[in-house]
All heavy atoms as atom14 arrays in JSON, in Angstrom:
{
  "sequence": "GKALKIIEEKHPDLVLVDIVLPGKINGIELAHIIKDRINI",
  "atom14_mask": [
    [1, 1, 1, 1, 0, 0, 0, 0, 0, 0, 0, 0, 0, 0],
    [1, 1, 1, 1, 1, 1, 1, 1, 1, 0, 0, 0, 0, 0],
    [1, 1, 1, 1, 1, 0, 0, 0, 0, 0, 0, 0, 0, 0],
    [1, 1, 1, 1, 1, 1, 1, 1, 0, 0, 0, 0, 0, 0],
    [1, 1, 1, 1, 1, 1, 1, 1, 1, 0, 0, 0, 0, 0],
    [1, 1, 1, 1, 1, 1, 1, 1, 0, 0, 0, 0, 0, 0],
    [1, 1, 1, 1, 1, 1, 1, 1, 0, 0, 0, 0, 0, 0],
    [1, 1, 1, 1, 1, 1, 1, 1, 1, 0, 0, 0, 0, 0],
    [1, 1, 1, 1, 1, 1, 1, 1, 1, 0, 0, 0, 0, 0],
    [1, 1, 1, 1, 1, 1, 1, 1, 1, 0, 0, 0, 0, 0],
    [1, 1, 1, 1, 1, 1, 1, 1, 1, 1, 0, 0, 0, 0],
    [1, 1, 1, 1, 1, 1, 1, 0, 0, 0, 0, 0, 0, 0],
    [1, 1, 1, 1, 1, 1, 1, 1, 0, 0, 0, 0, 0, 0],
    [1, 1, 1, 1, 1, 1, 1, 1, 0, 0, 0, 0, 0, 0],
    [1, 1, 1, 1, 1, 1, 1, 0, 0, 0, 0, 0, 0, 0],
    [1, 1, 1, 1, 1, 1, 1, 1, 0, 0, 0, 0, 0, 0],
    [1, 1, 1, 1, 1, 1, 1, 0, 0, 0, 0, 0, 0, 0],
    [1, 1, 1, 1, 1, 1, 1, 1, 0, 0, 0, 0, 0, 0],
    [1, 1, 1, 1, 1, 1, 1, 1, 0, 0, 0, 0, 0, 0],
    [1, 1, 1, 1, 1, 1, 1, 0, 0, 0, 0, 0, 0, 0],
    [1, 1, 1, 1, 1, 1, 1, 1, 0, 0, 0, 0, 0, 0],
    [1, 1, 1, 1, 1, 1, 1, 0, 0, 0, 0, 0, 0, 0],
    [1, 1, 1, 1, 0, 0, 0, 0, 0, 0, 0, 0, 0, 0],
    [1, 1, 1, 1, 1, 1, 1, 1, 1, 0, 0, 0, 0, 0],
    [1, 1, 1, 1, 1, 1, 1, 1, 0, 0, 0, 0, 0, 0],
    [1, 1, 1, 1, 1, 1, 1, 1, 0, 0, 0, 0, 0, 0],
    [1, 1, 1, 1, 0, 0, 0, 0, 0, 0, 0, 0, 0, 0],
    [1, 1, 1, 1, 1, 1, 1, 1, 0, 0, 0, 0, 0, 0],
    [1, 1, 1, 1, 1, 1, 1, 1, 1, 0, 0, 0, 0, 0],
    [1, 1, 1, 1, 1, 1, 1, 1, 0, 0, 0, 0, 0, 0],
    [1, 1, 1, 1, 1, 0, 0, 0, 0, 0, 0, 0, 0, 0],
    [1, 1, 1, 1, 1, 1, 1, 1, 1, 1, 0, 0, 0, 0],
    [1, 1, 1, 1, 1, 1, 1, 1, 0, 0, 0, 0, 0, 0],
    [1, 1, 1, 1, 1, 1, 1, 1, 0, 0, 0, 0, 0, 0],
    [1, 1, 1, 1, 1, 1, 1, 1, 1, 0, 0, 0, 0, 0],
    [1, 1, 1, 1, 1, 1, 1, 1, 0, 0, 0, 0, 0, 0],
    [1, 1, 1, 1, 1, 1, 1, 1, 1, 1, 1, 0, 0, 0],
    [1, 1, 1, 1, 1, 1, 1, 1, 0, 0, 0, 0, 0, 0],
    [1, 1, 1, 1, 1, 1, 1, 1, 0, 0, 0, 0, 0, 0],
    [1, 1, 1, 1, 1, 1, 1, 1, 0, 0, 0, 0, 0, 0]
  ],
  "atom14_positions": [
    [[-0.24, -3.34, -8.18], [0.36, -4.14, -7.09], [1.58, -4.92, -7.54], [2.6, -4.96, -6.88], [0.0, 0.0, 0.0], [0.0, 0.0, 0.0], [0.0, 0.0, 0.0], [0.0, 0.0, 0.0], [0.0, 0.0, 0.0], [0.0, 0.0, 0.0], [0.0, 0.0, 0.0], [0.0, 0.0, 0.0], [0.0, 0.0, 0.0], [0.0, 0.0, 0.0]],
    [[1.46, -5.6, -8.7], [2.6, -6.38, -9.25], [3.74, -5.48, -9.63], [4.91, -5.79, -9.45], [2.12, -7.25, -10.38], [1.23, -8.4, -9.94], [0.88, -9.24, -11.14], [-0.09, -10.34, -10.59], [-0.5, -11.25, -11.72], [0.0, 0.0, 0.0], [0.0, 0.0, 0.0], [0.0, 0.0, 0.0], [0.0, 0.0, 0.0], [0.0, 0.0, 0.0]],
    [[3.39, -4.29, -10.12], [4.46, -3.34, -10.47], [5.27, -2.91, -9.31], [6.49, -2.87, -9.37], [3.85, -2.1, -11.19], [0.0, 0.0, 0.0], [0.0, 0.0, 0.0], [0.0, 0.0, 0.0], [0.0, 0.0, 0.0], [0.0, 0.0, 0.0], [0.0, 0.0, 0.0], [0.0, 0.0, 0.0], [0.0, 0.0, 0.0], [0.0, 0.0, 0.0]],
    [[4.58, -2.63, -8.22], [5.34, -2.23, -6.99], [6.29, -3.31, -6.5], [7.41, -3.03, -6.07], [4.36, -1.88, -5.9], [3.54, -0.54, -6.12], [2.5, -0.29, -5.1], [4.52, 0.64, -6.19], [0.0, 0.0, 0.0], [0.0, 0.0, 0.0], [0.0, 0.0, 0.0], [0.0, 0.0, 0.0], [0.0, 0.0, 0.0], [0.0, 0.0, 0.0]],
    [[5.84, -4.6, -6.61], [6.69, -5.66, -6.2], [7.96, -5.76, -7.12], [9.11, -5.95, -6.62], [5.94, -7.04, -6.22], [4.93, -7.16, -5.2], [4.19, -8.47, -5.2], [3.1, -8.55, -4.2], [2.26, -9.77, -4.29], [0.0, 0.0, 0.0], [0.0, 0.0, 0.0], [0.0, 0.0, 0.0], [0.0, 0.0, 0.0], [0.0, 0.0, 0.0]],
    [[7.7, -5.67, -8.41], [8.9, -5.67, -9.35], [9.82, -4.5, -9.13], [11.05, -4.66, -9.09], [8.37, -5.73, -10.84], [7.67, -7.03, -11.08], [9.56, -5.4, -11.81], [7.04, -7.08, -12.45], [0.0, 0.0, 0.0], [0.0, 0.0, 0.0], [0.0, 0.0, 0.0], [0.0, 0.0, 0.0], [0.0, 0.0, 0.0], [0.0, 0.0, 0.0]],
    [[9.27, -3.31, -8.82], [10.11, -2.17, -8.55], [10.99, -2.36, -7.37], [12.15, -2.1, -7.38], [9.24, -0.88, -8.39], [8.62, -0.48, -9.74], [10.11, 0.23, -7.74], [7.57, 0.6, -9.62], [0.0, 0.0, 0.0], [0.0, 0.0, 0.0], [0.0, 0.0, 0.0], [0.0, 0.0, 0.0], [0.0, 0.0, 0.0], [0.0, 0.0, 0.0]],
    [[10.41, -2.96, -6.3], [11.16, -3.26, -5.08], [12.29, -4.27, -5.33], [13.36, -4.21, -4.79], [10.27, -3.77, -3.97], [9.33, -2.69, -3.43], [8.36, -3.27, -2.45], [8.42, -4.49, -2.07], [7.44, -2.57, -2.04], [0.0, 0.0, 0.0], [0.0, 0.0, 0.0], [0.0, 0.0, 0.0], [0.0, 0.0, 0.0], [0.0, 0.0, 0.0]],
    [[12.02, -5.29, -6.19], [13.0, -6.42, -6.46], [14.04, -6.01, -7.51], [15.19, -6.29, -7.37], [12.24, -7.61, -6.9], [11.32, -8.2, -5.85], [10.49, -9.36, -6.39], [10.66, -9.79, -7.57], [9.67, -9.88, -5.64], [0.0, 0.0, 0.0], [0.0, 0.0, 0.0], [0.0, 0.0, 0.0], [0.0, 0.0, 0.0], [0.0, 0.0, 0.0]],
    [[13.61, -5.35, -8.61], [14.44, -5.13, -9.76], [15.03, -3.71, -9.9], [15.98, -3.48, -10.62], [13.73, -5.48, -11.03], [13.16, -6.89, -11.07], [14.2, -7.99, -11.04], [13.52, -9.35, -11.11], [14.59, -10.38, -11.12], [0.0, 0.0, 0.0], [0.0, 0.0, 0.0], [0.0, 0.0, 0.0], [0.0, 0.0, 0.0], [0.0, 0.0, 0.0]],
    [[14.42, -2.75, -9.27], [14.92, -1.33, -9.35], [15.09, -0.85, -10.78], [16.2, -0.44, -11.17], [16.15, -1.19, -8.56], [16.13, -1.65, -7.22], [15.42, -1.03, -6.17], [16.59, -2.85, -6.63], [15.56, -1.72, -5.07], [16.26, -2.84, -5.26], [0.0, 0.0, 0.0], [0.0, 0.0, 0.0], [0.0, 0.0, 0.0], [0.0, 0.0, 0.0]],
    [[13.99, -0.77, -11.55], [14.12, -0.32, -12.95], [14.52, 1.13, -13.04], [14.33, 1.86, -12.04], [12.76, -0.59, -13.51], [11.84, -0.5, -12.38], [12.6, -1.08, -11.23], [0.0, 0.0, 0.0], [0.0, 0.0, 0.0], [0.0, 0.0, 0.0], [0.0, 0.0, 0.0], [0.0, 0.0, 0.0], [0.0, 0.0, 0.0], [0.0, 0.0, 0.0]],
    [[15.02, 1.56, -14.19], [15.45, 2.9, -14.37], [14.25, 3.82, -14.87], [14.34, 5.06, -14.72], [16.59, 2.97, -15.44], [17.81, 2.21, -14.92], [18.39, 2.68, -13.96], [18.11, 1.15, -15.5], [0.0, 0.0, 0.0], [0.0, 0.0, 0.0], [0.0, 0.0, 0.0], [0.0, 0.0, 0.0], [0.0, 0.0, 0.0], [0.0, 0.0, 0.0]],
    [[13.25, 3.21, -15.39], [12.11, 3.95, -15.94], [10.94, 3.04, -15.93], [11.04, 1.84, -16.03], [12.4, 4.27, -17.45], [11.24, 4.99, -18.2], [11.03, 6.43, -17.69], [11.64, 5.04, -19.71], [0.0, 0.0, 0.0], [0.0, 0.0, 0.0], [0.0, 0.0, 0.0], [0.0, 0.0, 0.0], [0.0, 0.0, 0.0], [0.0, 0.0, 0.0]],
    [[9.72, 3.64, -15.76], [8.45, 2.91, -15.68], [7.5, 3.47, -16.72], [7.26, 4.68, -16.72], [7.77, 2.94, -14.33], [6.55, 2.11, -14.28], [8.72, 2.46, -13.19], [0.0, 0.0, 0.0], [0.0, 0.0, 0.0], [0.0, 0.0, 0.0], [0.0, 0.0, 0.0], [0.0, 0.0, 0.0], [0.0, 0.0, 0.0], [0.0, 0.0, 0.0]],
    [[7.04, 2.59, -17.62], [5.96, 2.97, -18.58], [4.69, 2.46, -17.96], [4.57, 1.29, -17.73], [6.24, 2.35, -19.91], [7.54, 2.71, -20.66], [7.66, 1.91, -21.93], [7.66, 4.22, -20.88], [0.0, 0.0, 0.0], [0.0, 0.0, 0.0], [0.0, 0.0, 0.0], [0.0, 0.0, 0.0], [0.0, 0.0, 0.0], [0.0, 0.0, 0.0]],
    [[3.7, 3.38, -17.8], [2.49, 2.94, -17.1], [1.26, 3.34, -17.94], [1.02, 4.46, -18.4], [2.38, 3.7, -15.72], [1.07, 3.34, -15.05], [3.52, 3.45, -14.84], [0.0, 0.0, 0.0], [0.0, 0.0, 0.0], [0.0, 0.0, 0.0], [0.0, 0.0, 0.0], [0.0, 0.0, 0.0], [0.0, 0.0, 0.0], [0.0, 0.0, 0.0]],
    [[0.41, 2.3, -18.12], [-0.94, 2.53, -18.73], [-1.82, 3.2, -17.72], [-1.67, 2.86, -16.46], [-1.52, 1.17, -19.12], [-2.83, 1.29, -19.88], [-3.23, 2.46, -20.24], [-3.53, 0.29, -20.09], [0.0, 0.0, 0.0], [0.0, 0.0, 0.0], [0.0, 0.0, 0.0], [0.0, 0.0, 0.0], [0.0, 0.0, 0.0], [0.0, 0.0, 0.0]],
    [[-2.63, 4.14, -18.07], [-3.48, 4.88, -17.16], [-4.52, 3.98, -16.57], [-4.79, 4.05, -15.34], [-4.04, 6.09, -17.81], [-2.94, 7.13, -18.12], [-5.08, 6.74, -16.94], [-3.4, 8.28, -18.93], [0.0, 0.0, 0.0], [0.0, 0.0, 0.0], [0.0, 0.0, 0.0], [0.0, 0.0, 0.0], [0.0, 0.0, 0.0], [0.0, 0.0, 0.0]],
    [[-5.14, 3.1, -17.35], [-6.24, 2.27, -16.88], [-5.64, 0.85, -16.57], [-5.18, 0.22, -17.45], [-7.35, 2.16, -17.98], [-8.44, 1.24, -17.47], [-7.86, 3.49, -18.31], [0.0, 0.0, 0.0], [0.0, 0.0, 0.0], [0.0, 0.0, 0.0], [0.0, 0.0, 0.0], [0.0, 0.0, 0.0], [0.0, 0.0, 0.0], [0.0, 0.0, 0.0]],
    [[-5.67, 0.46, -15.3], [-5.15, -0.83, -14.89], [-6.25, -1.46, -14.03], [-6.95, -0.83, -13.33], [-3.9, -0.65, -14.03], [-2.72, -0.05, -14.7], [-1.57, 0.26, -13.65], [-2.14, -1.04, -15.78], [0.0, 0.0, 0.0], [0.0, 0.0, 0.0], [0.0, 0.0, 0.0], [0.0, 0.0, 0.0], [0.0, 0.0, 0.0], [0.0, 0.0, 0.0]],
    [[-6.23, -2.84, -13.98], [-7.16, -3.54, -13.18], [-6.72, -3.47, -11.67], [-5.55, -3.27, -11.4], [-7.13, -4.97, -13.69], [-5.71, -5.06, -14.26], [-5.45, -3.77, -14.79], [0.0, 0.0, 0.0], [0.0, 0.0, 0.0], [0.0, 0.0, 0.0], [0.0, 0.0, 0.0], [0.0, 0.0, 0.0], [0.0, 0.0, 0.0], [0.0, 0.0, 0.0]],
    [[-7.62, -3.61, -10.76], [-7.29, -3.66, -9.38], [-7.5, -2.37, -8.7], [-8.06, -1.45, -9.18], [0.0, 0.0, 0.0], [0.0, 0.0, 0.0], [0.0, 0.0, 0.0], [0.0, 0.0, 0.0], [0.0, 0.0, 0.0], [0.0, 0.0, 0.0], [0.0, 0.0, 0.0], [0.0, 0.0, 0.0], [0.0, 0.0, 0.0], [0.0, 0.0, 0.0]],
    [[-6.94, -2.32, -7.5], [-7.12, -1.15, -6.62], [-6.28, 0.06, -7.02], [-6.62, 1.18, -6.69], [-6.83, -1.49, -5.19], [-7.75, -2.55, -4.58], [-7.41, -2.85, -3.17], [-8.28, -3.88, -2.6], [-7.94, -4.26, -1.24], [0.0, 0.0, 0.0], [0.0, 0.0, 0.0], [0.0, 0.0, 0.0], [0.0, 0.0, 0.0], [0.0, 0.0, 0.0]],
    [[-5.18, -0.16, -7.7], [-4.28, 0.97, -8.05], [-4.31, 1.22, -9.58], [-3.8, 0.35, -10.35], [-2.8, 0.61, -7.61], [-2.78, 0.28, -6.09], [-1.91, 1.76, -7.96], [-1.43, -0.19, -5.61], [0.0, 0.0, 0.0], [0.0, 0.0, 0.0], [0.0, 0.0, 0.0], [0.0, 0.0, 0.0], [0.0, 0.0, 0.0], [0.0, 0.0, 0.0]],
    [[-4.79, 2.32, -9.96], [-4.78, 2.64, -11.4], [-3.39, 3.28, -11.75], [-2.58, 3.45, -10.89], [-5.97, 3.52, -11.83], [-5.89, 4.95, -11.34], [-4.81, 5.49, -11.05], [-7.08, 5.55, -11.11], [0.0, 0.0, 0.0], [0.0, 0.0, 0.0], [0.0, 0.0, 0.0], [0.0, 0.0, 0.0], [0.0, 0.0, 0.0], [0.0, 0.0, 0.0]],
    [[-3.23, 3.6, -13.04], [-1.92, 4.08, -13.47], [-1.51, 5.39, -12.81], [-0.36, 5.71, -12.5], [0.0, 0.0, 0.0], [0.0, 0.0, 0.0], [0.0, 0.0, 0.0], [0.0, 0.0, 0.0], [0.0, 0.0, 0.0], [0.0, 0.0, 0.0], [0.0, 0.0, 0.0], [0.0, 0.0, 0.0], [0.0, 0.0, 0.0], [0.0, 0.0, 0.0]],
    [[-2.47, 6.29, -12.71], [-2.17, 7.59, -12.11], [-1.86, 7.48, -10.61], [-0.83, 8.09, -10.13], [-3.37, 8.57, -12.29], [-3.51, 8.83, -13.8], [-3.15, 9.86, -11.53], [-4.81, 9.62, -14.17], [0.0, 0.0, 0.0], [0.0, 0.0, 0.0], [0.0, 0.0, 0.0], [0.0, 0.0, 0.0], [0.0, 0.0, 0.0], [0.0, 0.0, 0.0]],
    [[-2.59, 6.63, -9.91], [-2.26, 6.4, -8.46], [-0.86, 5.78, -8.32], [-0.06, 6.12, -7.49], [-3.29, 5.52, -7.84], [-4.62, 6.27, -7.7], [-5.75, 5.29, -7.37], [-5.6, 4.02, -7.55], [-6.84, 5.78, -6.96], [0.0, 0.0, 0.0], [0.0, 0.0, 0.0], [0.0, 0.0, 0.0], [0.0, 0.0, 0.0], [0.0, 0.0, 0.0]],
    [[-0.56, 4.8, -9.26], [0.73, 4.18, -9.23], [1.89, 5.09, -9.41], [2.86, 5.11, -8.72], [0.78, 3.04, -10.28], [2.1, 2.29, -10.44], [2.44, 1.6, -9.13], [2.06, 1.34, -11.58], [0.0, 0.0, 0.0], [0.0, 0.0, 0.0], [0.0, 0.0, 0.0], [0.0, 0.0, 0.0], [0.0, 0.0, 0.0], [0.0, 0.0, 0.0]],
    [[1.72, 6.1, -10.35], [2.68, 7.06, -10.6], [2.91, 7.91, -9.37], [4.04, 8.28, -9.07], [2.3, 7.96, -11.81], [0.0, 0.0, 0.0], [0.0, 0.0, 0.0], [0.0, 0.0, 0.0], [0.0, 0.0, 0.0], [0.0, 0.0, 0.0], [0.0, 0.0, 0.0], [0.0, 0.0, 0.0], [0.0, 0.0, 0.0], [0.0, 0.0, 0.0]],
    [[1.93, 8.3, -8.65], [2.02, 9.03, -7.43], [2.78, 8.24, -6.33], [3.67, 8.84, -5.68], [0.64, 9.53, -6.86], [-0.01, 10.61, -7.61], [0.46, 11.92, -7.62], [-1.12, 10.62, -8.39], [-0.28, 12.67, -8.35], [-1.23, 11.9, -8.82], [0.0, 0.0, 0.0], [0.0, 0.0, 0.0], [0.0, 0.0, 0.0], [0.0, 0.0, 0.0]],
    [[2.44, 6.99, -6.23], [3.21, 6.17, -5.25], [4.67, 6.06, -5.61], [5.57, 6.19, -4.72], [2.54, 4.72, -5.22], [1.16, 4.8, -4.58], [3.44, 3.76, -4.41], [0.31, 3.48, -4.77], [0.0, 0.0, 0.0], [0.0, 0.0, 0.0], [0.0, 0.0, 0.0], [0.0, 0.0, 0.0], [0.0, 0.0, 0.0], [0.0, 0.0, 0.0]],
    [[4.99, 5.84, -6.87], [6.33, 5.77, -7.33], [7.07, 7.03, -7.09], [8.24, 7.02, -6.6], [6.43, 5.38, -8.87], [5.95, 3.95, -9.01], [7.85, 5.51, -9.36], [5.7, 3.55, -10.46], [0.0, 0.0, 0.0], [0.0, 0.0, 0.0], [0.0, 0.0, 0.0], [0.0, 0.0, 0.0], [0.0, 0.0, 0.0], [0.0, 0.0, 0.0]],
    [[6.49, 8.14, -7.37], [7.08, 9.44, -7.18], [7.36, 9.73, -5.69], [8.44, 10.2, -5.32], [6.21, 10.57, -7.69], [6.78, 11.94, -7.52], [5.88, 13.04, -8.08], [6.51, 14.38, -7.94], [6.15, 15.01, -6.69], [0.0, 0.0, 0.0], [0.0, 0.0, 0.0], [0.0, 0.0, 0.0], [0.0, 0.0, 0.0], [0.0, 0.0, 0.0]],
    [[6.39, 9.39, -4.79], [6.54, 9.65, -3.34], [7.51, 8.69, -2.7], [8.24, 9.14, -1.82], [5.16, 9.51, -2.74], [4.21, 10.65, -3.13], [4.71, 11.7, -3.65], [2.96, 10.49, -2.93], [0.0, 0.0, 0.0], [0.0, 0.0, 0.0], [0.0, 0.0, 0.0], [0.0, 0.0, 0.0], [0.0, 0.0, 0.0], [0.0, 0.0, 0.0]],
    [[7.53, 7.43, -3.11], [8.34, 6.46, -2.42], [9.67, 6.17, -2.99], [10.65, 5.88, -2.28], [7.57, 5.1, -2.32], [6.34, 5.13, -1.47], [5.79, 3.72, -1.41], [4.44, 3.65, -0.92], [3.66, 2.6, -0.87], [4.14, 1.46, -1.38], [2.47, 2.62, -0.36], [0.0, 0.0, 0.0], [0.0, 0.0, 0.0], [0.0, 0.0, 0.0]],
    [[9.77, 6.23, -4.31], [10.91, 5.65, -4.98], [11.62, 6.65, -5.9], [12.83, 6.56, -6.07], [10.5, 4.4, -5.81], [9.78, 3.4, -4.87], [11.8, 3.69, -6.37], [8.77, 2.59, -5.61], [0.0, 0.0, 0.0], [0.0, 0.0, 0.0], [0.0, 0.0, 0.0], [0.0, 0.0, 0.0], [0.0, 0.0, 0.0], [0.0, 0.0, 0.0]],
    [[10.88, 7.57, -6.46], [11.36, 8.62, -7.32], [12.06, 8.05, -8.56], [13.19, 8.42, -8.85], [12.3, 9.58, -6.55], [12.46, 10.89, -7.34], [11.62, 11.27, -8.06], [13.58, 11.59, -7.04], [0.0, 0.0, 0.0], [0.0, 0.0, 0.0], [0.0, 0.0, 0.0], [0.0, 0.0, 0.0], [0.0, 0.0, 0.0], [0.0, 0.0, 0.0]],
    [[11.38, 7.17, -9.3], [11.81, 6.7, -10.61], [10.97, 7.45, -11.61], [9.78, 7.65, -11.44], [11.57, 5.14, -10.71], [12.34, 4.44, -9.69], [11.9, 4.65, -12.14], [11.96, 2.92, -9.68], [0.0, 0.0, 0.0], [0.0, 0.0, 0.0], [0.0, 0.0, 0.0], [0.0, 0.0, 0.0], [0.0, 0.0, 0.0], [0.0, 0.0, 0.0]]
  ]
}
């Protein structure tokens, strides 16, 4: 969740993601969201 907020605000060029994350969105789900919405 925090990653998505930072992506919206800062627009990074690359994202390094741990597979196991706390909360509702794990690393694999986050990667799918990034690919579908932002394509980073």
